[in-house]
Each structure stands twice: as C-alpha cells, then as structure tokens.
Amino acid sequence: MEITGPIIIAIVFAVAFVIFVIYAIVKAQGRKLTTGTEDMIGKEAVAQTTLNPKGTVLAEGELWTAIAGNDTVAPGEEVVITKVEGLKLWVAKKTEEKEGK
C-alpha cells in the first residue's frame, strides 16, 4: 500500500488538531476558578438610576440593585463594586485615587 500526498496532509492536520485540543484543555485547567459574585468585587459598574443610596447599576452586562452607602451617585456615573450581598451590590464612587491603584 502506497501512502500518497493527500493522506500525509490529512494525517498532519489530524495530529495538529489533536495537539491544539490538548493544549486548549491544559490551558483551561490552569485558569483561576471564580464564581460569579466573588469575581465582581473590585469591578466597575455604571449607575442607571440615581443611587441615593439605593438604585440600579449595570454590571457585567446585567442590571443590579445597588446601594451606594452614604454617597449619592448620578445616572451614568461609574462606581466600583465593594461588596456583594445576595442580589444587591454595595458600590462606591469611582475616584481618580482608586483608578490609580
């Protein structure tokens, strides 16, 4: 039986695909595990309504009920998530000092 060019090319592509799949699996296993709410702390959100102190923010593409503590936050203003409690986010105004950190 003679091995022709197209058979060799097919074998090379199959081996390359298998190597790619193994690489992707190994890389995925090395990622840090995070669950939804734990990963949100420290991320930014945008106020959708006035937070005085309670309102709505857009975080990670979803609308959340948020509490701004003693701050009043205007719609469109960026905030930083400081705590997640059930389905409520505790947020603080994003300041230039926090942006530098």
PDB file of N, CA and C in Angstrom:
ATOM      1  N   MET A   1       0.847  -1.179   0.000  1.00  0.00           N
ATOM      2  CA  MET A   1       0.000   0.000   0.000  1.00  0.00           C
ATOM      3  C   MET A   1       0.891   1.241   0.000  1.00  0.00           C
ATOM      4  N   GLU A   2       0.588   2.144  -0.872  1.00  0.00           N
ATOM      5  CA  GLU A   2       1.396   3.350  -1.020  1.00  0.00           C
ATOM      6  C   GLU A   2       0.714   4.533  -0.319  1.00  0.00           C
ATOM      7  N   ILE A   3       1.487   5.295   0.457  1.00  0.00           N
ATOM      8  CA  ILE A   3       0.963   6.477   1.130  1.00  0.00           C
ATOM      9  C   ILE A   3       1.178   7.677   0.212  1.00  0.00           C
ATOM     10  N   THR A   4       0.075   8.310  -0.158  1.00  0.00           N
ATOM     11  CA  THR A   4       0.147   9.421  -1.105  1.00  0.00           C
ATOM     12  C   THR A   4       0.150  10.765  -0.376  1.00  0.00           C
ATOM     13  N   GLY A   5       0.379  11.826  -1.128  1.00  0.00           N
ATOM     14  CA  GLY A   5       0.433  13.187  -0.583  1.00  0.00           C
ATOM     15  C   GLY A   5      -0.806  13.590   0.194  1.00  0.00           C
ATOM     16  N   PRO A   6      -2.015  13.393  -0.356  1.00  0.00           N
ATOM     17  CA  PRO A   6      -3.221  13.792   0.388  1.00  0.00           C
ATOM     18  C   PRO A   6      -3.380  13.052   1.714  1.00  0.00           C
ATOM     19  N   ILE A   7      -2.970  11.794   1.764  1.00  0.00           N
ATOM     20  CA  ILE A   7      -3.058  11.038   3.021  1.00  0.00           C
ATOM     21  C   ILE A   7      -2.100  11.622   4.053  1.00  0.00           C
ATOM     22  N   ILE A   8      -0.898  11.972   3.638  1.00  0.00           N
ATOM     23  CA  ILE A   8       0.089  12.566   4.551  1.00  0.00           C
ATOM     24  C   ILE A   8      -0.419  13.909   5.075  1.00  0.00           C
ATOM     25  N   ILE A   9      -0.987  14.716   4.192  1.00  0.00           N
ATOM     26  CA  ILE A   9      -1.531  16.020   4.610  1.00  0.00           C
ATOM     27  C   ILE A   9      -2.666  15.829   5.604  1.00  0.00           C
ATOM     28  N   ALA A  10      -3.546  14.880   5.375  1.00  0.00           N
ATOM     29  CA  ALA A  10      -4.658  14.609   6.284  1.00  0.00           C
ATOM     30  C   ALA A  10      -4.145  14.168   7.649  1.00  0.00           C
ATOM     31  N   ILE A  11      -3.120  13.342   7.675  1.00  0.00           N
ATOM     32  CA  ILE A  11      -2.538  12.880   8.938  1.00  0.00           C
ATOM     33  C   ILE A  11      -1.911  14.051   9.685  1.00  0.00           C
ATOM     34  N   VAL A  12      -1.184  14.925   8.983  1.00  0.00           N
ATOM     35  CA  VAL A  12      -0.551  16.088   9.617  1.00  0.00           C
ATOM     36  C   VAL A  12      -1.619  16.993  10.231  1.00  0.00           C
ATOM     37  N   PHE A  13      -2.709  17.265   9.484  1.00  0.00           N
ATOM     38  CA  PHE A  13      -3.783  18.102  10.016  1.00  0.00           C
ATOM     39  C   PHE A  13      -4.461  17.452  11.215  1.00  0.00           C
ATOM     40  N   ALA A  14      -4.671  16.153  11.187  1.00  0.00           N
ATOM     41  CA  ALA A  14      -5.299  15.454  12.306  1.00  0.00           C
ATOM     42  C   ALA A  14      -4.420  15.532  13.555  1.00  0.00           C
ATOM     43  N   VAL A  15      -3.117  15.319  13.391  1.00  0.00           N
ATOM     44  CA  VAL A  15      -2.190  15.412  14.528  1.00  0.00           C
ATOM     45  C   VAL A  15      -2.157  16.834  15.068  1.00  0.00           C
ATOM     46  N   ALA A  16      -2.122  17.836  14.182  1.00  0.00           N
ATOM     47  CA  ALA A  16      -2.113  19.242  14.613  1.00  0.00           C
ATOM     48  C   ALA A  16      -3.389  19.576  15.384  1.00  0.00           C
ATOM     49  N   PHE A  17      -4.529  19.070  14.935  1.00  0.00           N
ATOM     50  CA  PHE A  17      -5.796  19.313  15.622  1.00  0.00           C
ATOM     51  C   PHE A  17      -5.803  18.685  17.014  1.00  0.00           C
ATOM     52  N   VAL A  18      -5.322  17.475  17.116  1.00  0.00           N
ATOM     53  CA  VAL A  18      -5.265  16.796  18.415  1.00  0.00           C
ATOM     54  C   VAL A  18      -4.348  17.564  19.372  1.00  0.00           C
ATOM     55  N   ILE A  19      -3.203  18.020  18.884  1.00  0.00           N
ATOM     56  CA  ILE A  19      -2.284  18.797  19.723  1.00  0.00           C
ATOM     57  C   ILE A  19      -2.944  20.095  20.180  1.00  0.00           C
ATOM     58  N   PHE A  20      -3.672  20.777  19.273  1.00  0.00           N
ATOM     59  CA  PHE A  20      -4.374  22.010  19.633  1.00  0.00           C
ATOM     60  C   PHE A  20      -5.416  21.755  20.721  1.00  0.00           C
ATOM     61  N   VAL A  21      -6.187  20.687  20.582  1.00  0.00           N
ATOM     62  CA  VAL A  21      -7.220  20.363  21.571  1.00  0.00           C
ATOM     63  C   VAL A  21      -6.586  20.079  22.930  1.00  0.00           C
ATOM     64  N   ILE A  22      -5.518  19.316  22.958  1.00  0.00           N
ATOM     65  CA  ILE A  22      -4.832  19.017  24.222  1.00  0.00           C
ATOM     66  C   ILE A  22      -4.297  20.302  24.844  1.00  0.00           C
ATOM     67  N   TYR A  23      -3.698  21.176  24.043  1.00  0.00           N
ATOM     68  CA  TYR A  23      -3.187  22.460  24.543  1.00  0.00           C
ATOM     69  C   TYR A  23      -4.319  23.302  25.140  1.00  0.00           C
ATOM     70  N   ALA A  24      -5.462  23.369  24.458  1.00  0.00           N
ATOM     71  CA  ALA A  24      -6.592  24.159  24.952  1.00  0.00           C
ATOM     72  C   ALA A  24      -7.120  23.604  26.277  1.00  0.00           C
ATOM     73  N   ILE A  25      -7.170  22.300  26.404  1.00  0.00           N
ATOM     74  CA  ILE A  25      -7.643  21.683  27.650  1.00  0.00           C
ATOM     75  C   ILE A  25      -6.682  21.987  28.791  1.00  0.00           C
ATOM     76  N   VAL A  26      -5.389  21.845  28.561  1.00  0.00           N
ATOM     77  CA  VAL A  26      -4.394  22.113  29.605  1.00  0.00           C
ATOM     78  C   VAL A  26      -4.442  23.580  30.011  1.00  0.00           C
ATOM     79  N   LYS A  27      -4.566  24.489  29.052  1.00  0.00           N
ATOM     80  CA  LYS A  27      -4.625  25.918  29.353  1.00  0.00           C
ATOM     81  C   LYS A  27      -5.876  26.256  30.163  1.00  0.00           C
ATOM     82  N   ALA A  28      -7.009  25.653  29.833  1.00  0.00           N
ATOM     83  CA  ALA A  28      -8.251  25.904  30.552  1.00  0.00           C
ATOM     84  C   ALA A  28      -8.168  25.402  31.992  1.00  0.00           C
ATOM     85  N   GLN A  29      -7.467  24.313  32.218  1.00  0.00           N
ATOM     86  CA  GLN A  29      -7.338  23.770  33.572  1.00  0.00           C
ATOM     87  C   GLN A  29      -6.501  24.674  34.467  1.00  0.00           C
ATOM     88  N   GLY A  30      -5.645  25.486  33.872  1.00  0.00           N
ATOM     89  CA  GLY A  30      -4.769  26.346  34.659  1.00  0.00           C
ATOM     90  C   GLY A  30      -5.395  27.657  35.084  1.00  0.00           C
ATOM     91  N   ARG A  31      -6.605  27.973  34.606  1.00  0.00           N
ATOM     92  CA  ARG A  31      -7.256  29.229  34.961  1.00  0.00           C
ATOM     93  C   ARG A  31      -7.738  29.224  36.401  1.00  0.00           C
ATOM     94  N   LYS A  32      -7.714  30.395  37.027  1.00  0.00           N
ATOM     95  CA  LYS A  32      -8.202  30.543  38.386  1.00  0.00           C
ATOM     96  C   LYS A  32      -9.722  30.387  38.398  1.00  0.00           C
ATOM     97  N   LEU A  33     -10.217  29.602  39.324  1.00  0.00           N
ATOM     98  CA  LEU A  33     -11.648  29.400  39.435  1.00  0.00           C
ATOM     99  C   LEU A  33     -12.280  30.558  40.183  1.00  0.00           C
ATOM    100  N   THR A  34     -13.330  31.106  39.629  1.00  0.00           N
ATOM    101  CA  THR A  34     -14.084  32.150  40.313  1.00  0.00           C
ATOM    102  C   THR A  34     -15.557  31.887  40.098  1.00  0.00           C
ATOM    103  N   THR A  35     -16.328  32.229  41.104  1.00  0.00           N
ATOM    104  CA  THR A  35     -17.768  32.139  40.932  1.00  0.00           C
ATOM    105  C   THR A  35     -18.285  33.549  40.728  1.00  0.00           C
ATOM    106  N   GLY A  36     -19.434  33.670  40.169  1.00  0.00           N
ATOM    107  CA  GLY A  36     -19.987  34.950  39.751  1.00  0.00           C
ATOM    108  C   GLY A  36     -19.813  36.103  40.712  1.00  0.00           C
ATOM    109  N   THR A  37     -20.319  35.981  41.923  1.00  0.00           N
ATOM    110  CA  THR A  37     -20.303  37.128  42.824  1.00  0.00           C
ATOM    111  C   THR A  37     -18.915  37.422  43.373  1.00  0.00           C
ATOM    112  N   GLU A  38     -18.110  36.413  43.620  1.00  0.00           N
ATOM    113  CA  GLU A  38     -16.767  36.645  44.148  1.00  0.00           C
ATOM    114  C   GLU A  38     -15.918  37.427  43.157  1.00  0.00           C
ATOM    115  N   ASP A  39     -16.119  37.163  41.898  1.00  0.00           N
ATOM    116  CA  ASP A  39     -15.337  37.790  40.843  1.00  0.00           C
ATOM    117  C   ASP A  39     -15.740  39.246  40.609  1.00  0.00           C
ATOM    118  N   MET A  40     -16.895  39.668  41.062  1.00  0.00           N
ATOM    119  CA  MET A  40     -17.392  41.017  40.787  1.00  0.00           C
ATOM    120  C   MET A  40     -16.770  42.085  41.675  1.00  0.00           C
ATOM    121  N   ILE A  41     -16.308  41.717  42.853  1.00  0.00           N
ATOM    122  CA  ILE A  41     -15.757  42.705  43.779  1.00  0.00           C
ATOM    123  C   ILE A  41     -14.532  43.367  43.156  1.00  0.00           C
ATOM    124  N   GLY A  42     -14.546  44.705  43.155  1.00  0.00           N
ATOM    125  CA  GLY A  42     -13.458  45.475  42.572  1.00  0.00           C
ATOM    126  C   GLY A  42     -13.693  45.870  41.124  1.00  0.00           C
ATOM    127  N   LYS A  43     -14.712  45.320  40.499  1.00  0.00           N
ATOM    128  CA  LYS A  43     -15.009  45.667  39.111  1.00  0.00           C
ATOM    129  C   LYS A  43     -15.861  46.931  39.055  1.00  0.00           C
ATOM    130  N   GLU A  44     -15.907  47.511  37.866  1.00  0.00           N
ATOM    131  CA  GLU A  44     -16.643  48.754  37.673  1.00  0.00           C
ATOM    132  C   GLU A  44     -18.058  48.483  37.196  1.00  0.00           C
ATOM    133  N   ALA A  45     -18.955  49.407  37.513  1.00  0.00           N
ATOM    134  CA  ALA A  45     -20.335  49.362  37.057  1.00  0.00           C
ATOM    135  C   ALA A  45     -20.741  50.797  36.722  1.00  0.00           C
ATOM    136  N   VAL A  46     -21.843  50.944  36.023  1.00  0.00           N
ATOM    137  CA  VAL A  46     -22.344  52.264  35.645  1.00  0.00           C
ATOM    138  C   VAL A  46     -23.743  52.435  36.219  1.00  0.00           C
ATOM    139  N   ALA A  47     -23.959  53.541  36.920  1.00  0.00           N
ATOM    140  CA  ALA A  47     -25.270  53.811  37.510  1.00  0.00           C
ATOM    141  C   ALA A  47     -26.292  54.051  36.407  1.00  0.00           C
ATOM    142  N   GLN A  48     -27.422  53.372  36.488  1.00  0.00           N
ATOM    143  CA  GLN A  48     -28.503  53.549  35.530  1.00  0.00           C
ATOM    144  C   GLN A  48     -29.566  54.494  36.069  1.00  0.00           C
ATOM    145  N   THR A  49     -29.716  54.509  37.391  1.00  0.00           N
ATOM    146  CA  THR A  49     -30.627  55.440  38.064  1.00  0.00           C
ATOM    147  C   THR A  49     -29.830  56.149  39.149  1.00  0.00           C
ATOM    148  N   THR A  50     -30.414  57.178  39.741  1.00  0.00           N
ATOM    149  CA  THR A  50     -29.745  57.866  40.842  1.00  0.00           C
ATOM    150  C   THR A  50     -29.665  56.922  42.034  1.00  0.00           C
ATOM    151  N   LEU A  51     -28.467  56.800  42.597  1.00  0.00           N
ATOM    152  CA  LEU A  51     -28.281  55.989  43.803  1.00  0.00           C
ATOM    153  C   LEU A  51     -28.274  56.946  44.982  1.00  0.00           C
ATOM    154  N   ASN A  52     -29.351  56.922  45.773  1.00  0.00           N
ATOM    155  CA  ASN A  52     -29.473  57.842  46.903  1.00  0.00           C
ATOM    156  C   ASN A  52     -30.123  57.152  48.081  1.00  0.00           C
ATOM    157  N   PRO A  53     -29.605  56.241  48.754  1.00  0.00           N
ATOM    158  CA  PRO A  53     -28.413  55.481  48.457  1.00  0.00           C
ATOM    159  C   PRO A  53     -28.693  54.263  47.594  1.00  0.00           C
ATOM    160  N   LYS A  54     -29.999  53.965  47.311  1.00  0.00           N
ATOM    161  CA  LYS A  54     -30.344  52.744  46.580  1.00  0.00           C
ATOM    162  C   LYS A  54     -30.757  53.089  45.151  1.00  0.00           C
ATOM    163  N   GLY A  55     -30.377  52.226  44.213  1.00  0.00           N
ATOM    164  CA  GLY A  55     -30.753  52.429  42.823  1.00  0.00           C
ATOM    165  C   GLY A  55     -30.354  51.225  41.994  1.00  0.00           C
ATOM    166  N   THR A  56     -30.152  51.443  40.692  1.00  0.00           N
ATOM    167  CA  THR A  56     -29.827  50.360  39.766  1.00  0.00           C
ATOM    168  C   THR A  56     -28.528  50.669  39.037  1.00  0.00           C
ATOM    169  N   VAL A  57     -27.680  49.648  38.894  1.00  0.00           N
ATOM    170  CA  VAL A  57     -26.431  49.789  38.141  1.00  0.00           C
ATOM    171  C   VAL A  57     -26.356  48.697  37.087  1.00  0.00           C
ATOM    172  N   LEU A  58     -25.550  48.967  36.053  1.00  0.00           N
ATOM    173  CA  LEU A  58     -25.274  47.973  35.017  1.00  0.00           C
ATOM    174  C   LEU A  58     -23.880  47.424  35.285  1.00  0.00           C
ATOM    175  N   ALA A  59     -23.812  46.146  35.639  1.00  0.00           N
ATOM    176  CA  ALA A  59     -22.536  45.500  35.946  1.00  0.00           C
ATOM    177  C   ALA A  59     -22.464  44.182  35.197  1.00  0.00           C
ATOM    178  N   GLU A  60     -21.357  43.974  34.464  1.00  0.00           N
ATOM    179  CA  GLU A  60     -21.153  42.730  33.725  1.00  0.00           C
ATOM    180  C   GLU A  60     -22.319  42.455  32.769  1.00  0.00           C
ATOM    181  N   GLY A  61     -22.902  43.508  32.198  1.00  0.00           N
ATOM    182  CA  GLY A  61     -23.981  43.349  31.232  1.00  0.00           C
ATOM    183  C   GLY A  61     -25.336  43.061  31.840  1.00  0.00           C
ATOM    184  N   GLU A  62     -25.460  43.148  33.158  1.00  0.00           N
ATOM    185  CA  GLU A  62     -26.726  42.863  33.833  1.00  0.00           C
ATOM    186  C   GLU A  62     -27.106  44.029  34.739  1.00  0.00           C
ATOM    187  N   LEU A  63     -28.408  44.238  34.917  1.00  0.00           N
ATOM    188  CA  LEU A  63     -28.889  45.265  35.840  1.00  0.00           C
ATOM    189  C   LEU A  63     -28.959  44.682  37.250  1.00  0.00           C
ATOM    190  N   TRP A  64     -28.416  45.426  38.205  1.00  0.00           N
ATOM    191  CA  TRP A  64     -28.380  45.005  39.601  1.00  0.00           C
ATOM    192  C   TRP A  64     -28.937  46.109  40.478  1.00  0.00           C
ATOM    193  N   THR A  65     -29.542  45.720  41.586  1.00  0.00           N
ATOM    194  CA  THR A  65     -29.890  46.681  42.620  1.00  0.00           C
ATOM    195  C   THR A  65     -28.612  46.996  43.365  1.00  0.00           C
ATOM    196  N   ALA A  66     -28.360  48.295  43.583  1.00  0.00           N
ATOM    197  CA  ALA A  66     -27.115  48.689  44.226  1.00  0.00           C
ATOM    198  C   ALA A  66     -27.382  49.667  45.355  1.00  0.00           C
ATOM    199  N   ILE A  67     -26.508  49.619  46.342  1.00  0.00           N
ATOM    200  CA  ILE A  67     -26.556  50.550  47.470  1.00  0.00           C
ATOM    201  C   ILE A  67     -25.223  51.276  47.516  1.00  0.00           C
ATOM    202  N   ALA A  68     -25.293  52.612  47.556  1.00  0.00           N
ATOM    203  CA  ALA A  68     -24.079  53.419  47.499  1.00  0.00           C
ATOM    204  C   ALA A  68     -23.633  53.912  48.867  1.00  0.00           C
ATOM    205  N   GLY A  69     -24.158  53.366  49.927  1.00  0.00           N
ATOM    206  CA  GLY A  69     -23.754  53.800  51.266  1.00  0.00           C
ATOM    207  C   GLY A  69     -24.189  55.230  51.518  1.00  0.00           C
ATOM    208  N   ASN A  70     -23.252  56.094  51.878  1.00  0.00           N
ATOM    209  CA  ASN A  70     -23.568  57.492  52.165  1.00  0.00           C
ATOM    210  C   ASN A  70     -23.452  58.389  50.944  1.00  0.00           C
ATOM    211  N   ASP A  71     -23.021  57.839  49.806  1.00  0.00           N
ATOM    212  CA  ASP A  71     -22.834  58.634  48.597  1.00  0.00           C
ATOM    213  C   ASP A  71     -24.134  58.766  47.812  1.00  0.00           C
ATOM    214  N   THR A  72     -24.213  59.843  47.033  1.00  0.00           N
ATOM    215  CA  THR A  72     -25.262  59.988  46.033  1.00  0.00           C
ATOM    216  C   THR A  72     -24.577  59.898  44.685  1.00  0.00           C
ATOM    217  N   VAL A  73     -25.046  58.987  43.852  1.00  0.00           N
ATOM    218  CA  VAL A  73     -24.420  58.751  42.548  1.00  0.00           C
ATOM    219  C   VAL A  73     -25.427  59.097  41.461  1.00  0.00           C
ATOM    220  N   ALA A  74     -24.995  59.889  40.486  1.00  0.00           N
ATOM    221  CA  ALA A  74     -25.864  60.301  39.385  1.00  0.00           C
ATOM    222  C   ALA A  74     -25.888  59.221  38.303  1.00  0.00           C
ATOM    223  N   PRO A  75     -26.974  59.177  37.519  1.00  0.00           N
ATOM    224  CA  PRO A  75     -27.030  58.211  36.406  1.00  0.00           C
ATOM    225  C   PRO A  75     -25.871  58.449  35.435  1.00  0.00           C
ATOM    226  N   GLY A  76     -25.280  57.357  34.959  1.00  0.00           N
ATOM    227  CA  GLY A  76     -24.158  57.445  34.031  1.00  0.00           C
ATOM    228  C   GLY A  76     -22.801  57.507  34.708  1.00  0.00           C
ATOM    229  N   GLU A  77     -22.776  57.710  36.011  1.00  0.00           N
ATOM    230  CA  GLU A  77     -21.514  57.797  36.756  1.00  0.00           C
ATOM    231  C   GLU A  77     -20.973  56.393  37.024  1.00  0.00           C
ATOM    232  N   GLU A  78     -19.648  56.263  36.944  1.00  0.00           N
ATOM    233  CA  GLU A  78     -19.024  54.962  37.194  1.00  0.00           C
ATOM    234  C   GLU A  78     -18.816  54.750  38.686  1.00  0.00           C
ATOM    235  N   VAL A  79     -19.027  53.518  39.115  1.00  0.00           N
ATOM    236  CA  VAL A  79     -18.831  53.125  40.505  1.00  0.00           C
ATOM    237  C   VAL A  79     -18.008  51.849  40.546  1.00  0.00           C
ATOM    238  N   VAL A  80     -17.482  51.543  41.724  1.00  0.00           N
ATOM    239  CA  VAL A  80     -16.704  50.314  41.932  1.00  0.00           C
ATOM    240  C   VAL A  80     -17.463  49.440  42.919  1.00  0.00           C
ATOM    241  N   ILE A  81     -17.570  48.164  42.592  1.00  0.00           N
ATOM    242  CA  ILE A  81     -18.291  47.220  43.455  1.00  0.00           C
ATOM    243  C   ILE A  81     -17.396  46.864  44.638  1.00  0.00           C
ATOM    244  N   THR A  82     -17.909  47.069  45.853  1.00  0.00           N
ATOM    245  CA  THR A  82     -17.126  46.795  47.054  1.00  0.00           C
ATOM    246  C   THR A  82     -17.590  45.549  47.798  1.00  0.00           C
ATOM    247  N   LYS A  83     -18.860  45.165  47.593  1.00  0.00           N
ATOM    248  CA  LYS A  83     -19.403  44.029  48.337  1.00  0.00           C
ATOM    249  C   LYS A  83     -20.603  43.487  47.573  1.00  0.00           C
ATOM    250  N   VAL A  84     -20.804  42.186  47.641  1.00  0.00           N
ATOM    251  CA  VAL A  84     -21.977  41.558  47.050  1.00  0.00           C
ATOM    252  C   VAL A  84     -22.731  40.860  48.170  1.00  0.00           C
ATOM    253  N   GLU A  85     -24.002  41.195  48.301  1.00  0.00           N
ATOM    254  CA  GLU A  85     -24.820  40.617  49.366  1.00  0.00           C
ATOM    255  C   GLU A  85     -26.120  40.122  48.744  1.00  0.00           C
ATOM    256  N   GLY A  86     -26.193  38.829  48.508  1.00  0.00           N
ATOM    257  CA  GLY A  86     -27.368  38.280  47.838  1.00  0.00           C
ATOM    258  C   GLY A  86     -27.430  38.801  46.411  1.00  0.00           C
ATOM    259  N   LEU A  87     -28.527  39.482  46.089  1.00  0.00           N
ATOM    260  CA  LEU A  87     -28.678  40.059  44.757  1.00  0.00           C
ATOM    261  C   LEU A  87     -28.479  41.568  44.779  1.00  0.00           C
ATOM    262  N   LYS A  88     -27.834  42.084  45.814  1.00  0.00           N
ATOM    263  CA  LYS A  88     -27.550  43.517  45.913  1.00  0.00           C
ATOM    264  C   LYS A  88     -26.052  43.756  45.875  1.00  0.00           C
ATOM    265  N   LEU A  89     -25.676  44.814  45.195  1.00  0.00           N
ATOM    266  CA  LEU A  89     -24.274  45.218  45.139  1.00  0.00           C
ATOM    267  C   LEU A  89     -24.085  46.456  46.006  1.00  0.00           C
ATOM    268  N   TRP A  90     -23.032  46.469  46.774  1.00  0.00           N
ATOM    269  CA  TRP A  90     -22.629  47.664  47.506  1.00  0.00           C
ATOM    270  C   TRP A  90     -21.552  48.322  46.667  1.00  0.00           C
ATOM    271  N   VAL A  91     -21.726  49.596  46.379  1.00  0.00           N
ATOM    272  CA  VAL A  91     -20.811  50.286  45.486  1.00  0.00           C
ATOM    273  C   VAL A  91     -20.291  51.566  46.116  1.00  0.00           C
ATOM    274  N   ALA A  92     -19.180  52.046  45.578  1.00  0.00           N
ATOM    275  CA  ALA A  92     -18.598  53.333  45.985  1.00  0.00           C
ATOM    276  C   ALA A  92     -18.261  54.101  44.721  1.00  0.00           C
ATOM    277  N   LYS A  93     -18.306  55.437  44.828  1.00  0.00           N
ATOM    278  CA  LYS A  93     -17.957  56.260  43.682  1.00  0.00           C
ATOM    279  C   LYS A  93     -16.548  55.946  43.225  1.00  0.00           C
ATOM    280  N   LYS A  94     -16.372  55.947  41.918  1.00  0.00           N
ATOM    281  CA  LYS A  94     -15.040  55.731  41.342  1.00  0.00           C
ATOM    282  C   LYS A  94     -14.322  57.080  41.366  1.00  0.00           C
ATOM    283  N   THR A  95     -13.207  57.118  42.091  1.00  0.00           N
ATOM    284  CA  THR A  95     -12.444  58.357  42.173  1.00  0.00           C
ATOM    285  C   THR A  95     -11.128  58.182  41.446  1.00  0.00           C
ATOM    286  N   GLU A  96     -10.463  59.272  41.166  1.00  0.00           N
ATOM    287  CA  GLU A  96      -9.182  59.222  40.464  1.00  0.00           C
ATOM    288  C   GLU A  96      -8.150  58.503  41.306  1.00  0.00           C
ATOM    289  N   GLU A  97      -8.271  58.604  42.626  1.00  0.00           N
ATOM    290  CA  GLU A  97      -7.347  57.899  43.531  1.00  0.00           C
ATOM    291  C   GLU A  97      -7.492  56.396  43.352  1.00  0.00           C
ATOM    292  N   LYS A  98      -8.743  55.907  43.228  1.00  0.00           N
ATOM    293  CA  LYS A  98      -8.978  54.474  43.055  1.00  0.00           C
ATOM    294  C   LYS A  98      -8.545  54.008  41.683  1.00  0.00           C
ATOM    295  N   GLU A  99      -8.646  54.872  40.649  1.00  0.00           N
ATOM    296  CA  GLU A  99      -8.249  54.495  39.301  1.00  0.00           C
ATOM    297  C   GLU A  99      -6.760  54.221  39.227  1.00  0.00           C
ATOM    298  N   GLY A 100      -5.953  54.921  40.027  1.00  0.00           N
ATOM    299  CA  GLY A 100      -4.514  54.760  40.001  1.00  0.00           C
ATOM    300  C   GLY A 100      -4.032  53.485  40.646  1.00  0.00           C
ATOM    301  N   LYS A 101      -4.857  52.869  41.462  1.00  0.00           N
ATOM    302  CA  LYS A 101      -4.456  51.656  42.183  1.00  0.00           C
ATOM    303  C   LYS A 101      -4.502  50.456  41.306  1.00  0.00           C
TER     304      LYS A 101
END
